Amino acid sequence: MKGRGFPHLRVVELPASTRTAEEAARAVGAEVGQIVKSLVFVGEKGAYLFLVSGQNRLDLGKAQALVGSPLRRATPEELLALTGAQVADLKEA
């Protein structure tokens, strides 16, 4: 994260799966509502990161209205280029 301009953040890899909000909550001993999902979408003006409570789903219509253009999920290649992280599972928001 430091090389991408975020020196105050760090990536923590957990031994348990964290592909879903439920799995992530179990892995860190939290409630699902305390987990934040990071969802990356791409639109006409670039990439957008939406931070969504683990117990909620992203309303794509509202997100598109907010940014003023259609959105699509970022591909694994785009996620790697944008974040430096590989994501194994692109499940529905």
Protein backbone atom coordinates (compact mmCIF):
# COMPACT_ATOMS: atom_id res chain seq x y z
CA MET A 1 0.00 0.00 0.00
CA LYS A 2 2.92 2.33 0.71
CA GLY A 3 4.06 2.16 -2.94
CA ARG A 4 0.57 3.16 -4.04
CA GLY A 5 0.47 6.30 -1.88
CA PHE A 6 -1.18 4.83 1.22
CA PRO A 7 1.64 4.49 3.77
CA HIS A 8 -0.82 4.49 6.69
CA LEU A 9 -2.60 1.33 5.47
CA ARG A 10 -1.44 -2.25 5.54
CA VAL A 11 -2.80 -5.48 4.13
CA VAL A 12 -3.32 -8.26 6.66
CA GLU A 13 -3.62 -11.80 5.34
CA LEU A 14 -5.68 -14.11 7.51
CA PRO A 15 -5.37 -17.90 7.52
CA ALA A 16 -9.14 -18.36 7.21
CA SER A 17 -11.15 -17.55 4.09
CA THR A 18 -12.57 -14.02 3.97
CA ARG A 19 -14.29 -14.19 0.58
CA THR A 20 -17.67 -13.30 2.07
CA ALA A 21 -18.62 -10.80 4.75
CA GLU A 22 -19.76 -13.69 6.94
CA GLU A 23 -16.38 -15.44 6.62
CA ALA A 24 -14.52 -12.19 7.26
CA ALA A 25 -16.58 -11.50 10.38
CA ARG A 26 -15.85 -14.98 11.74
CA ALA A 27 -12.14 -14.65 10.96
CA VAL A 28 -11.77 -11.48 13.03
CA GLY A 29 -14.41 -12.16 15.69
CA ALA A 30 -16.81 -9.43 14.60
CA GLU A 31 -20.45 -9.11 13.60
CA VAL A 32 -21.22 -9.02 9.86
CA GLY A 33 -22.39 -5.41 10.16
CA GLN A 34 -18.94 -4.43 11.43
CA ILE A 35 -17.24 -5.72 8.28
CA VAL A 36 -16.73 -3.38 5.33
CA LYS A 37 -16.78 -4.78 1.79
CA SER A 38 -14.55 -3.05 -0.76
CA LEU A 39 -16.26 -3.14 -4.14
CA VAL A 40 -14.47 -1.79 -7.21
CA PHE A 41 -16.48 -0.73 -10.25
CA VAL A 42 -15.43 0.94 -13.49
CA GLY A 43 -17.35 3.68 -15.28
CA GLU A 44 -16.84 6.17 -18.08
CA LYS A 45 -14.81 8.49 -15.86
CA GLY A 46 -12.60 5.89 -14.20
CA ALA A 47 -12.66 3.44 -11.32
CA TYR A 48 -14.75 3.77 -8.18
CA LEU A 49 -14.30 2.15 -4.78
CA PHE A 50 -17.50 1.62 -2.82
CA LEU A 51 -17.21 0.71 0.86
CA VAL A 52 -20.33 -1.16 1.93
CA SER A 53 -21.34 -2.59 5.29
CA GLY A 54 -21.03 -6.36 5.32
CA GLN A 55 -24.74 -6.72 6.01
CA ASN A 56 -25.79 -4.57 3.03
CA ARG A 57 -25.72 -4.86 -0.75
CA LEU A 58 -24.63 -2.11 -3.11
CA ASP A 59 -27.59 -0.59 -4.96
CA LEU A 60 -26.08 -0.40 -8.44
CA GLY A 61 -28.78 1.99 -9.68
CA LYS A 62 -28.01 4.45 -6.90
CA ALA A 63 -24.27 4.08 -7.45
CA GLN A 64 -24.67 4.80 -11.17
CA ALA A 65 -26.84 7.82 -10.40
CA LEU A 66 -24.19 9.06 -7.97
CA VAL A 67 -21.34 8.88 -10.49
CA GLY A 68 -23.47 9.87 -13.48
CA SER A 69 -22.61 6.95 -15.74
CA PRO A 70 -23.11 3.20 -16.13
CA LEU A 71 -20.87 1.01 -13.97
CA ARG A 72 -19.52 -2.51 -14.27
CA ARG A 73 -17.49 -4.62 -11.90
CA ALA A 74 -13.76 -4.32 -12.33
CA THR A 75 -12.09 -7.36 -13.87
CA PRO A 76 -9.46 -9.27 -11.88
CA GLU A 77 -6.80 -7.68 -14.11
CA GLU A 78 -8.15 -4.19 -13.43
CA LEU A 79 -8.30 -4.89 -9.69
CA LEU A 80 -4.66 -5.99 -9.73
CA ALA A 81 -3.62 -2.87 -11.66
CA LEU A 82 -5.68 -0.53 -9.47
CA THR A 83 -5.03 -2.01 -6.03
CA GLY A 84 -2.01 -4.26 -6.33
CA ALA A 85 -4.08 -7.07 -4.82
CA GLN A 86 -5.33 -10.23 -6.46
CA VAL A 87 -8.92 -11.10 -5.85
CA ALA A 88 -9.95 -14.71 -6.31
CA ASP A 89 -13.69 -14.24 -6.11
CA LEU A 90 -15.85 -11.50 -7.63
CA LYS A 91 -19.15 -12.35 -5.96
CA GLU A 92 -22.25 -10.23 -6.32
CA ALA A 93 -22.55 -7.19 -4.08
